[in-house]
Protein backbone atom coordinates (compact mmCIF):
# COMPACT_ATOMS: atom_id res chain seq x y z
CA MET A 1 2.86 -38.23 -17.64
CA ILE A 2 3.92 -34.59 -17.49
CA ASP A 3 7.40 -33.77 -16.31
CA ASP A 4 6.93 -30.72 -14.08
CA GLU A 5 10.58 -29.74 -14.25
CA THR A 6 10.56 -29.31 -18.04
CA THR A 7 7.10 -27.77 -18.33
CA PRO A 8 7.54 -24.03 -18.78
CA ILE A 9 5.84 -21.89 -16.18
CA SER A 10 3.89 -19.03 -17.67
CA VAL A 11 4.88 -15.81 -16.00
CA ARG A 12 2.68 -12.77 -16.43
CA LYS A 13 4.31 -9.40 -16.63
CA PRO A 14 2.80 -6.86 -14.26
CA VAL A 15 0.31 -4.53 -15.89
CA SER A 16 1.29 -0.87 -15.62
CA LEU A 17 -0.86 1.49 -13.59
CA GLU A 18 -1.65 3.44 -16.74
CA ALA A 19 -2.97 0.30 -18.43
CA GLN A 20 -4.99 -0.63 -15.35
CA LEU A 21 -6.57 2.81 -15.27
CA GLU A 22 -7.22 2.81 -19.01
CA ASN A 23 -9.00 -0.54 -18.80
CA SER A 24 -11.09 0.35 -15.74
CA SER A 25 -14.65 1.57 -15.84
CA ILE A 26 -15.73 4.82 -14.20
CA ASP A 27 -17.32 2.85 -11.36
CA GLU A 28 -14.12 0.85 -10.83
CA LEU A 29 -12.07 4.05 -10.78
CA GLU A 30 -14.41 5.66 -8.26
CA GLN A 31 -14.19 2.55 -6.06
CA ARG A 32 -10.40 2.67 -6.33
CA ILE A 33 -10.37 6.32 -5.25
CA THR A 34 -12.61 5.51 -2.28
CA SER A 35 -10.29 2.66 -1.25
CA LEU A 36 -7.20 4.82 -1.63
CA ARG A 37 -8.74 7.62 0.44
CA ALA A 38 -9.59 5.12 3.18
CA GLU A 39 -6.00 3.82 3.08
CA ILE A 40 -4.65 7.37 3.28
CA THR A 41 -6.85 8.04 6.31
CA LEU A 42 -5.49 4.91 8.03
CA CYS A 43 -1.92 5.99 7.26
CA GLU A 44 -2.58 9.47 8.67
CA LYS A 45 -4.05 7.97 11.85
CA SER A 46 -1.05 5.69 12.21
CA ILE A 47 1.33 8.63 11.77
CA ALA A 48 -0.55 10.65 14.39
CA SER A 49 -0.43 7.71 16.81
CA LYS A 50 3.30 7.18 16.27
CA ARG A 51 3.97 10.89 16.77
CA ALA A 52 1.98 10.83 20.02
CA GLN A 53 3.95 7.78 21.20
CA ARG A 54 7.22 9.50 20.32
CA ALA A 55 6.16 12.68 22.12
CA ALA A 56 5.20 10.66 25.21
CA ALA A 57 8.53 8.83 25.16
CA ASP A 58 10.41 12.08 24.63
CA SER A 59 8.65 13.63 27.62
CA VAL A 60 9.71 10.72 29.82
CA PHE A 61 13.19 10.02 28.47
CA GLY A 62 14.06 13.33 26.85
CA ALA A 63 14.13 14.24 23.20
CA ARG A 64 16.29 12.19 20.88
CA SER A 65 19.28 13.85 19.30
CA SER A 66 19.34 13.55 15.52
């Protein structure tokens, strides 16, 4: 019988970005770039949407004072 409370849990240290990139193939790096560009596009669309919502609210309620 194994006592779960005394069995050490192996904890992996996070691999640095530099190590991840060093160990990746060219194809994997190109796929990563494609994914990151898609994520950036989504972020830009979200920013544009939020700015439009803020502008609409400001036009109804007046601009916020900072």
